[in-house]
Amino acid sequence: MSHHPPVTAFCHGLAGSSGAILCGAEQPRPRFTGLNVEVARHGAWVLELPAVGETYLLNAPSLSFRLLPTPGAEWVSAVHIACAASGLQACIHFHPRLLPGTPWHCVTGNVR
């Protein structure tokens, strides 16, 4: 972890028989807009699945903390996931709640 610039790096081996490993580094960049605080997380994660011989590269969604009119937190922006070995790709879009009365935590995506 670094303070100037703020960078967080992590490596975590997931338990279980799969032996999957998740590693990454990201640099959070908060932005205050008056009604919310959005934290863009710049960086990359790598998910290794040794059991199937695949390595996926992905980014992280931003996190939005809404202050007004209704306090809450939600993921926003898009996450792109790709494996060069298999050619699999996915894009997951986390949509913000724009107006009162609309649903929280809407997610759409596609896999190729």
N, C-alpha and C. Protein backbone atom coordinates (compact mmCIF):
# COMPACT_ATOMS: atom_id res chain seq x y z
N MET A 1 0.84 -1.17 0.00
CA MET A 1 0.00 0.00 0.00
C MET A 1 0.89 1.24 0.00
N SER A 2 0.50 2.22 -0.78
CA SER A 2 1.26 3.45 -0.89
C SER A 2 0.34 4.63 -0.63
N HIS A 3 0.86 5.68 -0.02
CA HIS A 3 0.04 6.85 0.28
C HIS A 3 0.15 7.93 -0.80
N HIS A 4 1.35 8.13 -1.37
CA HIS A 4 1.56 9.14 -2.42
C HIS A 4 2.22 8.49 -3.62
N PRO A 5 1.56 8.18 -4.70
CA PRO A 5 0.11 8.23 -4.89
C PRO A 5 -0.55 7.07 -4.16
N PRO A 6 -1.87 7.17 -3.88
CA PRO A 6 -2.54 6.07 -3.19
C PRO A 6 -2.69 4.86 -4.11
N VAL A 7 -1.97 3.80 -3.82
CA VAL A 7 -2.02 2.57 -4.60
C VAL A 7 -2.21 1.41 -3.63
N THR A 8 -3.14 0.53 -3.94
CA THR A 8 -3.36 -0.66 -3.15
C THR A 8 -3.07 -1.87 -4.02
N ALA A 9 -2.23 -2.75 -3.54
CA ALA A 9 -1.92 -3.99 -4.25
C ALA A 9 -2.32 -5.15 -3.36
N PHE A 10 -2.79 -6.21 -3.95
CA PHE A 10 -3.18 -7.36 -3.16
C PHE A 10 -2.93 -8.64 -3.93
N CYS A 11 -2.76 -9.71 -3.23
CA CYS A 11 -2.65 -11.04 -3.82
C CYS A 11 -3.33 -11.99 -2.86
N HIS A 12 -4.27 -12.74 -3.35
CA HIS A 12 -5.04 -13.60 -2.47
C HIS A 12 -5.27 -14.94 -3.16
N GLY A 13 -4.84 -16.00 -2.56
CA GLY A 13 -5.11 -17.33 -3.08
C GLY A 13 -6.45 -17.81 -2.55
N LEU A 14 -7.36 -18.17 -3.43
CA LEU A 14 -8.67 -18.61 -3.00
C LEU A 14 -8.59 -20.06 -2.53
N ALA A 15 -9.26 -20.35 -1.45
CA ALA A 15 -9.26 -21.70 -0.88
C ALA A 15 -10.07 -22.64 -1.76
N GLY A 16 -9.84 -23.90 -1.58
CA GLY A 16 -10.60 -24.90 -2.30
C GLY A 16 -9.71 -25.71 -3.24
N SER A 17 -10.31 -26.66 -3.91
CA SER A 17 -9.55 -27.55 -4.78
C SER A 17 -9.17 -26.90 -6.11
N SER A 18 -9.79 -25.77 -6.46
CA SER A 18 -9.49 -25.14 -7.75
C SER A 18 -8.12 -24.50 -7.77
N GLY A 19 -7.63 -24.00 -6.64
CA GLY A 19 -6.33 -23.34 -6.59
C GLY A 19 -6.31 -22.01 -7.29
N ALA A 20 -7.47 -21.37 -7.47
CA ALA A 20 -7.55 -20.09 -8.15
C ALA A 20 -6.81 -19.01 -7.37
N ILE A 21 -6.19 -18.09 -8.10
CA ILE A 21 -5.42 -17.02 -7.49
C ILE A 21 -5.91 -15.69 -8.07
N LEU A 22 -6.16 -14.72 -7.19
CA LEU A 22 -6.57 -13.39 -7.61
C LEU A 22 -5.52 -12.40 -7.14
N CYS A 23 -4.91 -11.66 -8.07
CA CYS A 23 -3.90 -10.66 -7.74
C CYS A 23 -4.27 -9.36 -8.45
N GLY A 24 -3.83 -8.24 -7.88
CA GLY A 24 -4.12 -6.99 -8.55
C GLY A 24 -3.52 -5.79 -7.85
N ALA A 25 -3.66 -4.67 -8.50
CA ALA A 25 -3.23 -3.38 -7.95
C ALA A 25 -4.19 -2.34 -8.51
N GLU A 26 -4.56 -1.40 -7.66
CA GLU A 26 -5.46 -0.35 -8.13
C GLU A 26 -5.17 0.96 -7.41
N GLN A 27 -5.57 2.03 -8.06
CA GLN A 27 -5.37 3.36 -7.52
C GLN A 27 -6.74 4.03 -7.42
N PRO A 28 -7.27 4.18 -6.20
CA PRO A 28 -8.58 4.82 -6.06
C PRO A 28 -8.50 6.32 -6.27
N ARG A 29 -9.49 6.86 -6.98
CA ARG A 29 -9.55 8.30 -7.23
C ARG A 29 -10.94 8.80 -6.90
N PRO A 30 -11.12 9.38 -5.70
CA PRO A 30 -12.44 9.87 -5.32
C PRO A 30 -12.78 11.19 -6.00
N ARG A 31 -14.09 11.38 -6.24
CA ARG A 31 -14.57 12.62 -6.85
C ARG A 31 -15.89 12.99 -6.17
N PHE A 32 -15.96 14.16 -5.61
CA PHE A 32 -17.16 14.64 -4.93
C PHE A 32 -17.97 15.48 -5.90
N THR A 33 -19.25 15.13 -6.08
CA THR A 33 -20.08 15.85 -7.04
C THR A 33 -21.16 16.70 -6.38
N GLY A 34 -21.23 16.70 -5.08
CA GLY A 34 -22.26 17.46 -4.38
C GLY A 34 -23.33 16.57 -3.81
N LEU A 35 -23.84 15.63 -4.61
CA LEU A 35 -24.85 14.69 -4.14
C LEU A 35 -24.27 13.32 -3.82
N ASN A 36 -23.07 13.05 -4.32
CA ASN A 36 -22.46 11.75 -4.04
C ASN A 36 -20.94 11.84 -4.13
N VAL A 37 -20.31 10.78 -3.69
CA VAL A 37 -18.86 10.62 -3.82
C VAL A 37 -18.65 9.37 -4.67
N GLU A 38 -17.98 9.52 -5.81
CA GLU A 38 -17.70 8.37 -6.66
C GLU A 38 -16.21 8.08 -6.60
N VAL A 39 -15.89 6.83 -6.32
CA VAL A 39 -14.50 6.41 -6.23
C VAL A 39 -14.19 5.54 -7.44
N ALA A 40 -13.46 6.11 -8.40
CA ALA A 40 -13.00 5.35 -9.57
C ALA A 40 -11.79 4.53 -9.14
N ARG A 41 -11.79 3.26 -9.50
CA ARG A 41 -10.72 2.36 -9.10
C ARG A 41 -9.91 2.00 -10.35
N HIS A 42 -8.81 2.72 -10.58
CA HIS A 42 -7.97 2.50 -11.76
C HIS A 42 -6.95 1.41 -11.43
N GLY A 43 -6.79 0.48 -12.34
CA GLY A 43 -5.84 -0.60 -12.14
C GLY A 43 -6.31 -1.85 -12.84
N ALA A 44 -5.74 -2.97 -12.47
CA ALA A 44 -6.09 -4.24 -13.11
C ALA A 44 -6.00 -5.37 -12.10
N TRP A 45 -6.82 -6.39 -12.32
CA TRP A 45 -6.79 -7.61 -11.53
C TRP A 45 -6.50 -8.76 -12.48
N VAL A 46 -5.88 -9.79 -11.96
CA VAL A 46 -5.61 -11.00 -12.72
C VAL A 46 -6.17 -12.18 -11.94
N LEU A 47 -7.02 -12.96 -12.58
CA LEU A 47 -7.58 -14.17 -11.98
C LEU A 47 -7.00 -15.37 -12.71
N GLU A 48 -6.24 -16.18 -12.00
CA GLU A 48 -5.63 -17.37 -12.59
C GLU A 48 -6.41 -18.61 -12.15
N LEU A 49 -6.77 -19.44 -13.14
CA LEU A 49 -7.46 -20.70 -12.88
C LEU A 49 -6.57 -21.83 -13.38
N PRO A 50 -5.62 -22.29 -12.56
CA PRO A 50 -4.65 -23.30 -13.02
C PRO A 50 -5.30 -24.62 -13.41
N ALA A 51 -6.42 -24.97 -12.82
CA ALA A 51 -7.07 -26.24 -13.13
C ALA A 51 -7.51 -26.33 -14.59
N VAL A 52 -7.86 -25.20 -15.19
CA VAL A 52 -8.29 -25.18 -16.59
C VAL A 52 -7.31 -24.46 -17.50
N GLY A 53 -6.21 -23.95 -16.93
CA GLY A 53 -5.18 -23.28 -17.72
C GLY A 53 -5.61 -21.95 -18.29
N GLU A 54 -6.45 -21.21 -17.57
CA GLU A 54 -6.93 -19.93 -18.05
C GLU A 54 -6.53 -18.80 -17.09
N THR A 55 -6.21 -17.65 -17.67
CA THR A 55 -5.88 -16.45 -16.91
C THR A 55 -6.75 -15.31 -17.44
N TYR A 56 -7.50 -14.70 -16.55
CA TYR A 56 -8.40 -13.63 -16.91
C TYR A 56 -7.87 -12.30 -16.40
N LEU A 57 -7.96 -11.28 -17.24
CA LEU A 57 -7.59 -9.92 -16.88
C LEU A 57 -8.89 -9.13 -16.75
N LEU A 58 -9.05 -8.39 -15.65
CA LEU A 58 -10.27 -7.62 -15.45
C LEU A 58 -9.98 -6.32 -14.73
N ASN A 59 -10.89 -5.38 -14.87
CA ASN A 59 -10.80 -4.11 -14.15
C ASN A 59 -11.88 -4.09 -13.07
N ALA A 60 -11.87 -3.07 -12.25
CA ALA A 60 -12.82 -2.97 -11.14
C ALA A 60 -13.86 -1.89 -11.42
N PRO A 61 -15.10 -2.11 -10.97
CA PRO A 61 -16.09 -1.05 -11.14
C PRO A 61 -15.85 0.07 -10.14
N SER A 62 -16.38 1.23 -10.45
CA SER A 62 -16.32 2.35 -9.51
C SER A 62 -17.36 2.13 -8.41
N LEU A 63 -17.16 2.80 -7.30
CA LEU A 63 -18.09 2.70 -6.19
C LEU A 63 -18.67 4.08 -5.94
N SER A 64 -19.99 4.17 -5.87
CA SER A 64 -20.67 5.44 -5.68
C SER A 64 -21.37 5.45 -4.33
N PHE A 65 -21.05 6.46 -3.52
CA PHE A 65 -21.71 6.67 -2.24
C PHE A 65 -22.65 7.85 -2.40
N ARG A 66 -23.94 7.57 -2.41
CA ARG A 66 -24.94 8.62 -2.59
C ARG A 66 -25.26 9.23 -1.24
N LEU A 67 -25.23 10.56 -1.17
CA LEU A 67 -25.51 11.27 0.07
C LEU A 67 -26.96 11.77 0.11
N LEU A 68 -27.43 12.32 -1.02
CA LEU A 68 -28.78 12.85 -1.11
C LEU A 68 -29.43 12.36 -2.40
N PRO A 69 -30.69 12.20 -2.55
CA PRO A 69 -31.73 12.36 -1.56
C PRO A 69 -31.85 11.16 -0.62
N THR A 70 -31.47 9.97 -1.07
CA THR A 70 -31.51 8.77 -0.24
C THR A 70 -30.10 8.22 -0.11
N PRO A 71 -29.56 8.16 1.11
CA PRO A 71 -28.20 7.62 1.27
C PRO A 71 -28.11 6.17 0.81
N GLY A 72 -26.98 5.82 0.22
CA GLY A 72 -26.76 4.45 -0.23
C GLY A 72 -25.43 4.33 -0.94
N ALA A 73 -25.07 3.10 -1.23
CA ALA A 73 -23.83 2.82 -1.96
C ALA A 73 -24.12 1.78 -3.03
N GLU A 74 -23.46 1.92 -4.17
CA GLU A 74 -23.65 0.95 -5.25
C GLU A 74 -22.45 0.98 -6.18
N TRP A 75 -22.24 -0.15 -6.87
CA TRP A 75 -21.22 -0.23 -7.91
C TRP A 75 -21.75 0.48 -9.14
N VAL A 76 -20.88 1.18 -9.85
CA VAL A 76 -21.24 1.84 -11.10
C VAL A 76 -20.10 1.64 -12.10
N SER A 77 -20.34 1.84 -13.35
CA SER A 77 -19.39 1.72 -14.47
C SER A 77 -19.38 0.30 -15.03
N ALA A 78 -18.41 0.02 -15.86
CA ALA A 78 -18.35 -1.27 -16.55
C ALA A 78 -17.11 -2.06 -16.12
N VAL A 79 -17.27 -3.37 -16.12
CA VAL A 79 -16.16 -4.28 -15.84
C VAL A 79 -15.93 -5.10 -17.11
N HIS A 80 -14.70 -5.10 -17.59
CA HIS A 80 -14.32 -5.89 -18.77
C HIS A 80 -13.46 -7.05 -18.30
N ILE A 81 -13.82 -8.25 -18.76
CA ILE A 81 -13.13 -9.48 -18.37
C ILE A 81 -12.71 -10.18 -19.65
N ALA A 82 -11.46 -10.61 -19.73
CA ALA A 82 -10.98 -11.27 -20.96
C ALA A 82 -9.94 -12.32 -20.63
N CYS A 83 -9.98 -13.42 -21.40
CA CYS A 83 -8.98 -14.48 -21.31
C CYS A 83 -8.35 -14.64 -22.69
N ALA A 84 -7.05 -14.38 -22.80
CA ALA A 84 -6.37 -14.47 -24.09
C ALA A 84 -6.30 -15.92 -24.57
N ALA A 85 -6.12 -16.87 -23.67
CA ALA A 85 -5.97 -18.29 -24.07
C ALA A 85 -7.25 -18.86 -24.67
N SER A 86 -8.40 -18.57 -24.07
CA SER A 86 -9.66 -19.16 -24.54
C SER A 86 -10.43 -18.23 -25.48
N GLY A 87 -10.09 -16.93 -25.47
CA GLY A 87 -10.81 -15.96 -26.27
C GLY A 87 -12.12 -15.52 -25.65
N LEU A 88 -12.44 -15.99 -24.44
CA LEU A 88 -13.67 -15.59 -23.77
C LEU A 88 -13.57 -14.14 -23.31
N GLN A 89 -14.66 -13.41 -23.48
CA GLN A 89 -14.73 -12.01 -23.06
C GLN A 89 -16.10 -11.74 -22.46
N ALA A 90 -16.15 -10.87 -21.49
CA ALA A 90 -17.42 -10.45 -20.91
C ALA A 90 -17.33 -8.97 -20.56
N CYS A 91 -18.46 -8.30 -20.64
CA CYS A 91 -18.56 -6.91 -20.22
C CYS A 91 -19.81 -6.80 -19.36
N ILE A 92 -19.63 -6.38 -18.13
CA ILE A 92 -20.73 -6.25 -17.18
C ILE A 92 -20.88 -4.78 -16.84
N HIS A 93 -22.09 -4.25 -17.01
CA HIS A 93 -22.36 -2.84 -16.74
C HIS A 93 -23.18 -2.73 -15.46
N PHE A 94 -22.65 -1.98 -14.50
CA PHE A 94 -23.36 -1.67 -13.26
C PHE A 94 -23.96 -0.28 -13.44
N HIS A 95 -25.29 -0.21 -13.43
CA HIS A 95 -25.99 1.05 -13.71
C HIS A 95 -26.34 1.77 -12.41
N PRO A 96 -26.09 3.08 -12.34
CA PRO A 96 -26.44 3.82 -11.13
C PRO A 96 -27.95 4.06 -11.06
N ARG A 97 -28.43 4.26 -9.87
CA ARG A 97 -29.83 4.65 -9.67
C ARG A 97 -29.90 6.15 -9.91
N LEU A 98 -30.56 6.56 -10.98
CA LEU A 98 -30.57 7.96 -11.37
C LEU A 98 -31.69 8.77 -10.74
N LEU A 99 -32.86 8.16 -10.59
CA LEU A 99 -34.03 8.89 -10.08
C LEU A 99 -34.68 8.10 -8.95
N PRO A 100 -35.28 8.81 -7.98
CA PRO A 100 -36.04 8.10 -6.95
C PRO A 100 -37.17 7.30 -7.61
N GLY A 101 -37.39 6.11 -7.11
CA GLY A 101 -38.41 5.25 -7.69
C GLY A 101 -37.87 4.26 -8.70
N THR A 102 -36.66 4.48 -9.19
CA THR A 102 -36.05 3.52 -10.10
C THR A 102 -35.29 2.48 -9.25
N PRO A 103 -35.09 1.28 -9.78
CA PRO A 103 -34.48 0.22 -8.97
C PRO A 103 -32.99 0.45 -8.69
N TRP A 104 -32.54 -0.06 -7.55
CA TRP A 104 -31.12 -0.06 -7.19
C TRP A 104 -30.45 -1.27 -7.82
N HIS A 105 -29.16 -1.17 -8.02
CA HIS A 105 -28.30 -2.30 -8.36
C HIS A 105 -28.70 -3.01 -9.65
N CYS A 106 -28.95 -2.26 -10.72
CA CYS A 106 -29.24 -2.84 -12.03
C CYS A 106 -27.93 -3.24 -12.71
N VAL A 107 -27.91 -4.44 -13.26
CA VAL A 107 -26.72 -4.96 -13.92
C VAL A 107 -27.13 -5.56 -15.26
N THR A 108 -26.38 -5.22 -16.31
CA THR A 108 -26.57 -5.86 -17.61
C THR A 108 -25.18 -6.28 -18.10
N GLY A 109 -25.15 -7.17 -19.06
CA GLY A 109 -23.86 -7.60 -19.57
C GLY A 109 -23.99 -8.53 -20.75
N ASN A 110 -22.84 -8.85 -21.32
CA ASN A 110 -22.79 -9.81 -22.42
C ASN A 110 -21.50 -10.61 -22.32
N VAL A 111 -21.56 -11.84 -22.85
CA VAL A 111 -20.42 -12.74 -22.85
C VAL A 111 -20.19 -13.18 -24.29
N ARG A 112 -18.91 -13.12 -24.72
CA ARG A 112 -18.55 -13.57 -26.08
C ARG A 112 -17.48 -14.63 -25.97
